[in-house]
Protein backbone atom coordinates (compact mmCIF):
# COMPACT_ATOMS: atom_id res chain seq x y z
CA MET A 1 -0.18 0.14 -0.10
CA SER A 2 1.46 3.37 -0.63
CA ALA A 3 1.57 6.78 1.46
CA GLY A 4 -2.05 7.36 2.14
CA ARG A 5 -4.53 6.59 5.15
CA LEU A 6 -5.96 3.37 6.80
CA ALA A 7 -8.96 2.56 7.71
CA GLY A 8 -10.00 6.38 7.43
CA ARG A 9 -8.13 6.95 10.22
CA TYR A 10 -4.37 6.29 10.16
CA SER A 11 -2.45 8.59 8.03
CA LEU A 12 0.83 6.41 6.82
CA LEU A 13 3.71 9.14 6.74
CA ARG A 14 6.81 7.52 6.02
CA PRO A 15 8.24 3.62 6.09
CA LEU A 16 10.18 3.76 9.06
CA GLY A 17 11.66 0.12 8.60
CA ALA A 18 11.33 -2.92 6.61
CA GLY A 19 12.19 -6.41 7.28
CA GLY A 20 11.15 -10.66 6.78
CA MET A 21 7.85 -9.64 8.63
CA GLY A 22 6.74 -6.44 6.82
CA LYS A 23 7.30 -2.72 6.68
CA VAL A 24 6.95 -0.14 9.69
CA TRP A 25 5.27 3.13 8.99
CA LEU A 26 5.51 6.39 10.69
CA ALA A 27 1.61 7.30 11.22
CA ARG A 28 -0.77 9.72 12.41
CA ASP A 29 -3.69 8.89 14.27
CA GLU A 30 -6.23 11.80 13.19
CA MET A 31 -8.75 10.96 15.12
CA LEU A 32 -6.82 11.03 18.88
CA VAL A 33 -4.44 13.59 17.16
CA ARG A 34 -1.17 11.51 17.87
CA GLU A 35 1.73 9.67 15.75
CA VAL A 36 1.93 6.12 15.86
CA ALA A 37 3.72 3.35 14.05
CA VAL A 38 1.79 1.12 11.88
CA LYS A 39 3.13 -2.70 11.34
CA GLU A 40 2.07 -3.73 7.49
CA LEU A 41 2.51 -7.48 8.24
CA THR A 42 3.66 -8.78 4.62
CA LEU A 43 1.44 -11.69 2.64
CA ALA A 44 2.67 -14.68 1.08
CA GLU A 45 2.78 -15.26 -2.98
CA GLY A 46 0.66 -17.55 -4.44
CA MET A 47 -2.15 -18.07 -1.45
CA SER A 48 -5.68 -19.20 -2.10
CA PRO A 49 -8.08 -17.02 -0.98
CA LYS A 50 -9.47 -19.52 1.95
CA GLU A 51 -5.68 -19.33 2.85
CA ARG A 52 -5.92 -15.68 3.23
CA ALA A 53 -9.11 -15.44 5.03
CA ASP A 54 -7.79 -18.01 7.42
CA SER A 55 -4.58 -16.35 8.19
CA VAL A 56 -6.08 -13.03 8.75
CA THR A 57 -8.44 -14.20 11.21
CA ARG A 58 -5.26 -15.82 12.57
CA ALA A 59 -3.43 -13.08 12.67
CA VAL A 60 -6.32 -11.03 14.82
CA ARG A 61 -6.66 -13.71 17.04
CA GLU A 62 -2.86 -13.46 17.76
CA ALA A 63 -3.04 -9.79 17.98
CA GLN A 64 -6.09 -9.91 20.57
CA ALA A 65 -4.09 -11.84 22.64
CA THR A 66 -0.79 -9.73 22.44
CA ALA A 67 -3.68 -6.48 23.27
CA ARG A 68 -4.18 -8.24 26.59
CA LEU A 69 -0.38 -7.42 27.60
CA ARG A 70 -0.36 -4.09 29.46
CA HIS A 71 2.68 -3.39 30.95
CA PRO A 72 5.11 -0.54 31.13
CA GLY A 73 8.02 -2.46 29.57
CA ILE A 74 5.72 -4.29 26.58
CA VAL A 75 5.26 -1.88 23.42
CA ALA A 76 1.79 -1.45 23.47
CA LEU A 77 -0.79 -2.21 20.67
CA HIS A 78 -2.98 0.33 19.80
CA ASP A 79 -5.64 -1.38 17.25
CA VAL A 80 -5.61 -3.81 14.66
CA VAL A 81 -7.26 -3.21 11.28
CA VAL A 82 -8.03 -5.68 8.62
CA GLU A 83 -7.41 -3.73 5.12
CA ASN A 84 -6.41 -4.82 1.58
CA ASP A 85 -7.10 -8.36 2.75
CA ARG A 86 -4.24 -8.24 5.43
CA PRO A 87 -4.02 -6.89 9.49
CA TRP A 88 -2.24 -3.73 10.22
CA LEU A 89 -0.95 -3.84 13.45
CA VAL A 90 -1.22 0.05 15.03
CA MET A 91 1.13 0.55 17.76
CA GLU A 92 2.69 2.96 20.41
CA LEU A 93 5.49 4.97 18.63
CA LEU A 94 8.78 4.63 20.40
CA ARG A 95 11.29 6.99 20.13
CA GLY A 96 15.14 6.17 20.81
CA ARG A 97 17.43 3.53 20.09
CA THR A 98 17.37 -0.30 20.33
CA LEU A 99 20.31 -1.92 22.70
CA ALA A 100 21.96 -3.36 19.86
CA GLU A 101 22.29 0.19 18.61
CA THR A 102 23.23 1.64 22.14
CA VAL A 103 26.04 -1.04 22.41
CA SER A 104 27.48 -0.78 19.01
CA ARG A 105 27.81 2.66 19.34
CA PHE A 106 28.90 3.36 23.34
CA GLY A 107 30.36 -0.29 24.03
CA PRO A 108 29.83 -2.58 26.57
CA MET A 109 27.73 -0.74 29.91
CA PRO A 110 28.50 -1.12 33.21
CA ALA A 111 26.66 -3.40 35.20
CA GLU A 112 24.41 -1.12 37.19
CA HIS A 113 23.07 -0.14 33.63
CA ALA A 114 22.85 -3.25 32.92
CA ALA A 115 21.13 -4.33 35.40
CA ARG A 116 18.35 -2.62 35.57
CA ILE A 117 17.73 -2.96 31.52
CA GLY A 118 17.38 -6.73 32.48
CA ALA A 119 15.25 -6.28 34.97
CA ASP A 120 12.77 -3.95 33.33
CA VAL A 121 12.65 -6.58 30.80
CA LEU A 122 12.33 -9.44 32.58
CA GLU A 123 9.50 -8.66 34.50
CA ALA A 124 7.50 -7.89 31.40
CA LEU A 125 8.11 -11.17 30.00
CA MET A 126 7.14 -12.49 33.72
CA ALA A 127 3.86 -10.28 33.27
CA ALA A 128 3.12 -11.60 29.49
CA HIS A 129 4.37 -15.52 31.15
CA ALA A 130 1.76 -14.92 33.41
CA GLN A 131 -0.67 -14.71 30.45
CA GLY A 132 0.38 -18.01 28.42
CA MET A 133 2.45 -15.88 26.11
CA GLN A 134 5.83 -16.52 25.32
CA HIS A 135 8.24 -14.04 23.16
CA ARG A 136 10.99 -16.50 21.22
CA ASP A 137 12.93 -13.42 19.77
CA VAL A 138 14.40 -11.65 22.89
CA LYS A 139 17.95 -10.24 21.54
CA PRO A 140 19.52 -6.89 21.77
CA GLY A 141 17.35 -5.45 19.02
CA ASN A 142 14.33 -6.22 20.04
CA VAL A 143 14.86 -3.98 23.70
CA PHE A 144 14.39 -0.57 22.79
CA LEU A 145 15.65 1.81 24.88
CA THR A 146 14.01 5.09 24.87
CA GLU A 147 14.58 8.61 25.20
CA SER A 148 12.49 8.83 28.85
CA GLY A 149 14.27 6.04 30.28
CA ARG A 150 11.91 3.55 29.50
CA VAL A 151 12.72 -0.17 28.44
CA VAL A 152 10.49 -1.53 26.22
CA LEU A 153 10.66 -5.41 24.76
CA THR A 154 8.96 -5.24 21.49
CA ASP A 155 7.93 -7.60 18.65
CA PHE A 156 6.07 -9.43 21.39
CA GLY A 157 3.45 -11.72 19.93
CA ILE A 158 3.92 -11.03 16.66
CA ALA A 159 7.52 -13.04 15.26
CA ARG A 160 5.77 -14.53 12.39
CA GLN A 161 5.17 -13.32 8.68
CA GLU A 162 1.44 -12.62 8.36
CA GLY A 163 -0.16 -14.76 5.92
CA GLN A 164 2.23 -17.06 5.33
CA ALA A 165 2.68 -20.42 7.63
CA THR A 166 4.06 -19.19 11.27
CA LEU A 167 8.14 -19.77 10.92
CA THR A 168 7.73 -22.53 13.26
CA GLU A 169 5.04 -24.52 10.78
CA GLN A 170 7.42 -23.27 7.40
CA GLY A 171 10.31 -25.68 9.81
CA LEU A 172 12.57 -23.05 10.39
CA MET A 173 13.56 -21.74 13.95
CA ILE A 174 11.95 -17.99 15.21
CA GLY A 175 14.34 -16.25 16.83
CA SER A 176 18.21 -15.35 16.06
CA PRO A 177 21.30 -17.97 16.37
CA GLY A 178 23.25 -16.94 19.48
CA PHE A 179 20.05 -16.25 21.36
CA ILE A 180 18.20 -18.71 21.16
CA ALA A 181 17.52 -21.34 24.21
CA PRO A 182 19.49 -25.01 23.58
CA GLU A 183 16.22 -26.70 24.15
CA ARG A 184 14.43 -24.88 21.28
CA LEU A 185 17.50 -25.40 18.89
CA GLU A 186 16.68 -29.45 19.96
CA GLY A 187 13.28 -29.22 18.66
CA GLN A 188 11.26 -28.34 21.72
CA PRO A 189 8.98 -25.55 21.86
CA GLY A 190 10.56 -23.91 25.06
CA GLY A 191 8.72 -22.07 27.69
CA PRO A 192 9.20 -18.73 29.82
CA ALA A 193 12.93 -20.75 31.10
CA SER A 194 13.47 -20.27 27.35
CA ASP A 195 12.97 -16.60 26.97
CA LEU A 196 15.09 -16.19 30.51
CA TRP A 197 17.82 -17.40 28.51
CA SER A 198 17.81 -15.63 25.92
CA LEU A 199 17.50 -12.38 27.82
CA GLY A 200 20.60 -13.66 29.81
CA ALA A 201 22.10 -14.15 26.18
CA THR A 202 21.08 -10.30 25.66
CA LEU A 203 22.66 -9.03 28.76
CA TYR A 204 26.25 -10.99 27.72
CA VAL A 205 25.68 -8.37 25.01
CA ALA A 206 25.35 -5.71 27.12
CA LEU A 207 28.41 -6.21 29.27
CA ALA A 208 30.78 -7.85 27.22
CA GLY A 209 30.00 -6.16 24.05
CA VAL A 210 29.68 -8.92 22.12
CA PRO A 211 27.80 -11.70 21.49
CA ALA A 212 28.71 -14.97 23.77
CA TYR A 213 28.62 -17.37 20.41
CA GLU A 214 29.86 -15.62 17.70
CA GLY A 215 30.39 -16.56 14.28
CA SER A 216 28.52 -18.22 11.58
CA ALA A 217 24.98 -18.93 12.42
CA ALA A 218 25.82 -22.77 12.07
CA GLN A 219 28.63 -22.13 14.30
CA ARG A 220 26.40 -20.04 16.88
CA VAL A 221 23.90 -22.75 16.99
CA ARG A 222 26.88 -25.52 17.16
CA ASP A 223 28.40 -23.70 20.08
CA THR A 224 25.13 -22.76 21.93
CA LEU A 225 24.52 -26.81 21.95
CA THR A 226 27.93 -28.07 22.88
CA GLN A 227 29.86 -25.40 25.01
CA PRO A 228 28.88 -23.64 28.39
CA PRO A 229 28.50 -19.69 27.88
CA PRO A 230 31.40 -17.69 28.89
CA VAL A 231 31.33 -15.94 31.95
CA PRO A 232 31.01 -12.36 30.98
CA PRO A 233 32.82 -9.25 32.68
CA GLY A 234 31.85 -7.54 36.08
CA PRO A 235 29.76 -8.54 38.64
CA LEU A 236 27.06 -9.33 37.09
CA GLY A 237 28.84 -12.61 35.03
CA PRO A 238 27.91 -15.28 37.66
CA LEU A 239 23.91 -14.10 37.53
CA VAL A 240 24.13 -14.41 33.27
CA THR A 241 25.62 -17.65 33.02
CA ALA A 242 23.03 -19.05 35.31
CA MET A 243 20.44 -17.70 33.28
CA MET A 244 22.14 -18.83 30.33
CA ALA A 245 22.63 -22.98 32.18
CA GLN A 246 22.29 -25.37 29.11
CA HIS A 247 18.82 -27.04 30.93
CA PRO A 248 16.03 -24.99 31.57
CA ALA A 249 15.47 -26.41 35.30
CA ALA A 250 18.97 -24.93 36.11
CA ARG A 251 18.14 -21.69 35.29
CA PRO A 252 17.40 -19.85 38.84
CA ASP A 253 13.49 -18.16 39.51
CA PRO A 254 13.18 -15.40 37.56
CA ARG A 255 11.72 -13.68 40.53
CA GLN A 256 15.47 -14.43 42.66
CA ILE A 257 16.80 -12.97 39.30
CA VAL A 258 14.75 -9.67 38.97
CA ALA A 259 15.82 -9.20 42.81
CA ALA A 260 19.22 -9.74 41.99
CA LEU A 261 19.48 -7.43 39.18
CA ARG A 262 17.75 -4.99 41.15
CA GLN A 263 20.22 -4.91 43.99
CA VAL A 264 23.08 -4.25 41.26
CA ALA A 265 21.08 -1.75 39.77
CA ALA A 266 21.06 -0.02 43.18
CA GLY A 267 24.74 -0.10 43.39
CA GLY A 268 24.93 -2.79 45.47
CA GLN A 269 26.67 -6.87 45.11
CA ALA A 270 25.46 -9.52 42.82
CA PRO A 271 23.81 -11.73 45.82
CA ARG A 272 25.06 -15.60 45.67
CA LEU A 273 23.22 -18.10 43.50
CA PRO A 274 20.60 -19.92 44.90
CA ALA A 275 21.65 -23.67 45.87
CA GLY A 276 21.52 -26.40 43.77
CA HIS A 277 21.71 -24.69 40.79
CA ASP A 278 24.82 -25.59 38.55
CA THR A 279 25.42 -23.10 35.71
CA THR A 280 26.60 -24.99 33.43
CA VAL A 281 25.70 -28.99 33.60
CA PRO A 282 22.11 -29.60 34.31
CA GLY A 283 20.67 -32.10 36.59
CA LYS A 284 18.94 -34.81 34.66
CA VAL A 285 14.59 -34.05 34.60
CA ARG A 286 12.34 -36.47 33.37
CA ARG A 287 8.96 -35.21 32.03
CA ARG A 288 6.35 -37.03 33.49
CA GLY A 289 5.02 -40.10 31.04
CA ARG A 290 6.10 -38.44 28.19
CA LEU A 291 8.99 -39.20 25.41
CA THR A 292 12.48 -37.23 26.07
CA LEU A 293 14.45 -36.34 23.25
CA TRP A 294 18.59 -35.88 23.23
CA ILE A 295 19.03 -35.22 19.30
CA ALA A 296 22.79 -33.91 18.80
CA ALA A 297 21.73 -32.13 15.74
CA VAL A 298 19.51 -28.49 15.54
CA ALA A 299 16.32 -29.69 14.91
CA VAL A 300 14.84 -26.93 12.96
CA LEU A 301 11.14 -27.74 13.76
CA VAL A 302 9.82 -26.58 16.65
CA VAL A 303 7.14 -28.79 17.86
CA ALA A 304 3.50 -28.26 19.74
CA ALA A 305 3.36 -26.17 23.04
CA GLY A 306 0.30 -25.71 25.33
CA VAL A 307 0.00 -25.98 29.14
CA THR A 308 -3.94 -25.70 28.91
CA GLY A 309 -5.89 -28.84 29.86
CA PHE A 310 -8.60 -29.03 27.77
CA VAL A 311 -9.33 -29.10 23.97
CA VAL A 312 -12.02 -27.42 22.13
CA LEU A 313 -14.71 -28.45 20.11
CA GLY A 314 -17.17 -27.23 17.98
CA ASN A 315 -21.07 -28.20 17.39
CA ASN A 316 -21.64 -30.35 14.72
CA PRO A 317 -25.33 -31.33 14.16
CA THR A 318 -25.08 -33.05 10.92
CA GLY A 319 -22.81 -35.45 11.71
CA GLY A 320 -19.42 -36.13 10.29
CA THR A 321 -16.58 -33.54 10.61
CA PRO A 322 -16.84 -30.68 12.02
CA ALA A 323 -15.02 -27.51 10.27
CA ALA A 324 -13.33 -26.95 13.34
CA PHE A 325 -13.27 -27.55 16.88
CA THR A 326 -13.83 -24.37 19.56
CA ALA A 327 -16.03 -25.95 22.66
CA PRO A 328 -13.93 -26.89 25.82
CA MET A 329 -13.44 -30.98 26.12
CA ASP A 330 -11.14 -32.42 28.97
CA VAL A 331 -8.49 -34.53 27.24
CA CYS A 332 -9.02 -37.20 29.60
CA THR A 333 -12.21 -37.96 28.65
CA LEU A 334 -11.08 -39.21 24.93
CA MET A 335 -10.66 -42.62 26.56
CA ASN A 336 -13.88 -44.65 27.66
CA PRO A 337 -13.17 -46.72 30.65
CA GLU A 338 -14.64 -50.03 27.96
CA ASP A 339 -11.69 -49.51 26.11
CA LEU A 340 -8.81 -48.43 28.07
CA GLY A 341 -9.72 -51.71 30.18
CA GLY A 342 -9.48 -54.13 26.60
CA LEU A 343 -6.00 -52.34 26.24
CA LEU A 344 -4.52 -52.34 29.35
CA ARG A 345 -6.29 -56.05 30.15
CA THR A 346 -7.63 -54.82 33.43
CA GLN A 347 -11.29 -54.71 34.72
CA ARG A 348 -10.40 -51.56 36.77
CA PRO A 349 -8.61 -49.10 34.62
CA PRO A 350 -7.21 -46.13 36.04
CA LYS A 351 -8.09 -42.20 35.99
CA GLY A 352 -6.66 -40.51 33.36
CA GLN A 353 -3.32 -37.82 34.86
CA LEU A 354 -3.76 -34.62 32.62
CA SER A 355 -0.40 -32.66 32.76
CA ALA A 356 0.36 -29.53 31.30
CA ASP A 357 2.65 -31.17 29.09
CA GLU A 358 5.13 -28.45 26.46
CA LYS A 359 4.12 -29.89 23.45
CA GLY A 360 -0.08 -29.58 24.23
CA PRO A 361 -2.77 -30.64 26.60
CA THR A 362 -1.63 -34.34 27.94
CA CYS A 363 -3.63 -37.52 29.68
CA GLY A 364 -2.05 -40.29 30.36
CA TRP A 365 -3.52 -43.78 31.74
CA PRO A 366 -0.49 -46.05 33.46
CA ILE A 367 -0.31 -49.02 34.95
CA ALA A 368 2.33 -51.39 36.11
CA GLU A 369 4.62 -52.12 32.68
CA THR A 370 1.84 -50.51 30.40
CA GLY A 371 0.11 -47.19 29.49
CA VAL A 372 -1.86 -45.46 26.93
CA GLY A 373 -1.53 -41.61 26.25
CA VAL A 374 -3.47 -38.89 24.33
CA GLN A 375 -1.97 -35.58 23.32
CA VAL A 376 -3.73 -32.75 21.65
CA GLN A 377 -1.34 -30.01 20.03
CA LYS A 378 -0.83 -26.73 18.71
CA ASP A 379 1.98 -25.21 17.44
CA SER A 380 4.27 -22.85 19.31
CA ASP A 381 2.51 -19.41 17.53
CA THR A 382 -1.51 -20.45 18.57
CA VAL A 383 -2.81 -19.33 22.02
CA ASP A 384 -4.12 -23.15 22.38
CA PRO A 385 -5.50 -26.07 20.45
CA TRP A 386 -8.78 -24.77 19.53
CA SER A 387 -7.37 -21.48 17.57
CA MET A 388 -5.60 -23.47 15.06
CA THR A 389 -6.94 -23.49 11.38
CA PRO A 390 -7.22 -26.74 9.25
CA ALA A 391 -4.94 -24.80 7.27
CA SER A 392 -2.57 -24.74 10.19
CA ALA A 393 -3.01 -27.93 11.31
CA ARG A 394 -2.35 -29.71 7.98
CA THR A 395 1.10 -27.46 8.55
CA LEU A 396 1.78 -28.91 11.94
CA PHE A 397 1.04 -32.24 10.92
CA GLN A 398 3.21 -32.27 8.14
CA ASN A 399 5.62 -31.07 9.91
CA GLN A 400 5.63 -33.31 12.60
CA LYS A 401 5.85 -36.08 10.52
CA ARG A 402 9.24 -34.65 9.07
CA PHE A 403 10.34 -34.39 12.29
CA TRP A 404 9.98 -37.99 13.54
CA ASP A 405 11.10 -39.45 9.51
CA LYS A 406 14.42 -37.05 10.71
CA TYR A 407 15.54 -38.91 13.58
CA ASP A 408 16.33 -42.59 14.26
CA GLU A 409 17.81 -42.58 17.24
CA LEU A 410 16.40 -41.41 20.43
CA GLN A 411 15.94 -42.37 24.41
CA TRP A 412 13.04 -42.69 25.70
CA SER A 413 11.79 -42.66 29.15
CA TRP A 414 8.09 -43.32 31.21
CA PRO A 415 8.45 -43.75 34.88
CA GLU A 416 5.02 -44.41 36.13
CA ILE A 417 5.13 -47.80 33.64
CA GLY A 418 8.04 -48.52 35.65
CA VAL A 419 10.97 -46.71 32.99
CA LYS A 420 12.04 -44.50 35.22
CA GLU A 421 15.95 -44.14 33.41
CA GLN A 422 16.59 -43.12 30.11
CA LEU A 423 16.26 -46.03 27.50
CA LYS A 424 18.22 -45.85 23.96
CA VAL A 425 15.70 -47.01 21.42
CA GLU A 426 15.20 -46.58 17.24
CA ARG A 427 12.36 -45.82 15.63
CA THR A 428 11.16 -47.78 12.72
CA PRO A 429 10.11 -46.39 9.62
CA VAL A 430 7.32 -43.55 9.84
CA ARG A 431 4.76 -44.73 7.62
CA GLN A 432 1.17 -43.29 6.25
CA VAL A 433 -1.94 -45.12 8.23
CA GLY A 434 -5.39 -45.29 6.38
CA GLY A 435 -8.86 -45.14 8.12
CA VAL A 436 -7.75 -42.67 10.99
CA ALA A 437 -9.09 -39.00 10.41
CA GLU A 438 -8.37 -37.25 7.65
CA GLU A 439 -4.63 -38.11 8.01
CA ALA A 440 -2.52 -40.08 9.68
CA PHE A 441 1.35 -41.57 10.23
CA ALA A 442 2.72 -44.44 12.58
CA PHE A 443 5.21 -45.49 13.93
CA GLU A 444 7.55 -47.19 16.76
CA LEU A 445 10.39 -47.08 19.58
CA LYS A 446 12.28 -50.74 19.70
CA GLY A 447 14.13 -51.21 22.97
CA PRO A 448 17.80 -52.21 22.87
CA THR A 449 16.17 -56.13 22.37
CA GLY A 450 14.88 -55.34 19.35
CA ARG A 451 11.56 -55.74 20.73
CA VAL A 452 9.00 -52.35 20.26
CA VAL A 453 8.67 -50.72 23.41
CA ALA A 454 5.86 -48.06 22.44
CA ALA A 455 3.99 -47.29 19.15
CA TYR A 456 2.66 -44.05 18.24
CA VAL A 457 -0.30 -42.82 15.82
CA TYR A 458 -0.86 -39.38 15.33
CA TYR A 459 -3.71 -38.12 13.28
CA ARG A 460 -5.26 -34.71 12.22
CA LEU A 461 -9.23 -34.20 12.54
CA ALA A 462 -10.50 -30.75 11.05
CA ASN A 463 -7.97 -28.23 13.33
CA LEU A 464 -6.83 -30.88 15.50
CA VAL A 465 -3.97 -32.65 15.51
CA VAL A 466 -3.58 -35.97 18.10
CA SER A 467 -1.09 -37.70 18.73
CA ALA A 468 -1.96 -41.30 20.35
CA GLU A 469 0.51 -43.81 22.23
CA PHE A 470 0.95 -47.49 23.41
CA ALA A 471 4.01 -48.91 25.68
CA THR A 472 4.45 -51.28 27.58
CA THR A 473 7.66 -53.10 28.83
CA ALA A 474 5.84 -56.33 29.65
CA ASP A 475 6.44 -59.77 27.39
CA ARG A 476 3.29 -61.23 26.63
CA PRO A 477 2.06 -58.37 23.76
CA THR A 478 3.46 -59.01 20.28
CA ASP A 479 5.01 -56.42 18.41
CA GLU A 480 2.00 -56.53 16.16
CA ASP A 481 -0.03 -56.13 19.33
CA ILE A 482 1.54 -53.15 20.37
CA LYS A 483 0.97 -51.38 17.13
CA GLN A 484 -2.65 -52.52 16.75
CA SER A 485 -3.08 -51.09 20.38
CA ALA A 486 -1.78 -47.34 19.22
CA LEU A 487 -4.13 -47.77 16.47
CA ARG A 488 -7.35 -48.75 18.93
CA VAL A 489 -6.03 -45.68 21.15
CA ALA A 490 -6.21 -42.92 18.23
CA GLN A 491 -9.26 -44.70 16.74
CA THR A 492 -11.10 -44.51 20.38
CA SER A 493 -9.98 -41.18 21.08
CA GLU A 494 -11.04 -39.96 17.72
CA ARG A 495 -14.65 -41.21 17.76
CA MET A 496 -14.94 -39.97 21.20
CA LEU A 497 -13.95 -36.27 19.38
CA ARG A 498 -16.21 -36.84 16.77
CA ASP A 499 -18.90 -37.90 19.19
CA ALA A 500 -18.60 -34.74 21.53
CA GLY A 501 -18.37 -32.92 18.25
């Protein structure tokens, strides 16, 4: 769009900058008589009308979620305008320069100054995390130092190209090499602790004047995964190194970090780290009842993330497959006692154990040696599974298939069924499965003896992506029995979804 008036209200004055996400304009809000920044989001070429409409709907929904974030350390989103078949984001206009520009011009900062910036940014991140949102691209270029002294985190929740699949859906990693936490480079969706790591890497630049990891993008990724961060100079060095611990569980609590940063900002000494935190070598942390991957290479697919315990289904009075699932449903109701009893070979099947797995709401039904699990997934750029569109679900499904097809040597555990230590497993070839939902694929994991210990079926139904699993260490079931049991879990959960919808 050429310079003009947007929505009859915002006069576009001149471009302020452009990048992969689109173009930012200096604009004037004629109604409130003030200057604002307007972000024109880029549309992909060759999109169908339906894909464009779905993308606009999704972008507006995500902007609405971002607009709920009210904090002085987060750039304010004033309005969203849909014009020319795309969303335009109207934001507060900031005057000043980024942290990256400041360090480039003036060099490393005094510890007190860097500590105040770090505390302000971390408090903004904590406010967002409390709303279930992650930034995923904390770096010096996204920390803005205003002329009035405010420290503002920019590009919050809009780190994606509108009109395209999200970066994660395209098989790319949101973020900048050297500022992406190790767990996200390994293919995990990350969480609040990942933003904390990125903030630590950002503060390293403020203190040292250079990034903790330098070189080519590939070199920075490799070093992030294999090398502990160097200790930056000054009193904040140990604190920043603790924030950049390799494992999320080894990083200190954000509230303790904020208190420590405030203490240094006030001219005091940096407090000693909380006991129990090893800043370089994390302890082993097992996720309850889920697959754990330790991958030596960079996984460029970011798999689903989520913390909610509900999936949402829409009314479907005419039967068949709903266009989208939009009303809440407890994930643990996706398996009924009769089917569970048959699968687990018990007359008293356990109650489902709901967990807030990083990849999506999960319910598991474990007994000694055997377990059933169902997970409803979402991509890392969507608030919850029921906010997925059929198009984004298709992309997530294909990305999951490519992800699993890439790695064949993994480690697996499920403490609740008796596999407490990491077990080295090999994945069987990923194969398409017919007769389940709209599309499905399956694979198995073989233990050291060559026997199948777990089987998985992933399927897509409308806008939902679901993984179904069956695992056992018992001697009685054959490999084929285990494969068929996972298929029954998938078929049962699909039927329960359709019946509820």
